[in-house]
Amino acid sequence: MPLLTIVLGALSVVLFIIVVVLETKVSARDTTIVQNRNRADQYEAARVQMQAQLDAAKAGSAKLQTQVDEATAGAVQLKTQLDEAKASAAELQTQLDKARAVSNGFQSQMEDAKVASIKYQGEAELAKAKTTVMQAQLNQATADTARLQSQLDESRTRSDALQAKLAKAESDIAQLQKVRPKN
């Protein structure tokens, strides 16, 4: 019997040691599982935060793209207006040139009439009448020339203003494109 007691005692000690070792391993495994779960929760929180930042960046990028599109459309519209103003200015310049030519023609005719008046004393009254008519036509042509010159100056002023707006719009587009994040 004493031998059986010793064997059972030794077996109990061995089993106790095995239980203690296994308990230590289970405790270490539980600690590792808790740590891994905490890391997983941290990674999930970081992922959610990064997703929110990504969504905000996408919204900001869409807003910037909208601003770029609006600025581009504005620049195109300003360029169209500038082209129209230039065409109008060219047309007014043509009209002014024609008016000057007519004015010069009237001036020449008036000078010819004056020369003819001096040359032909007998036709003085007729020449005076022609001179008066041509003077009125010259005055009308001069007034038309001044009016067309004024319109041309106004058109050039509008053209310069539109040119400045176009340059500003192109500058704004360039700045907006610099601000837009790279994908």
Foldseek 3Di string as FASTA:
>chain_A
DVVVVVVVVVVVVVVVVVVVVVVVVVVVVVVVVVVVVVVVVVVVVVVVVVVVVVVVLVVVLVVLVVVLVVLVVVLVVLVVVLVVLVVVLVVLVVVLVVLVVVLVVLVVVLVVLVVVCVVDVVCVVVSVVVNVVSVVVNVVSVVVNVVSVVVSVVSVVVSVVSVVVSVVSVVVSVVSVVVNDDD
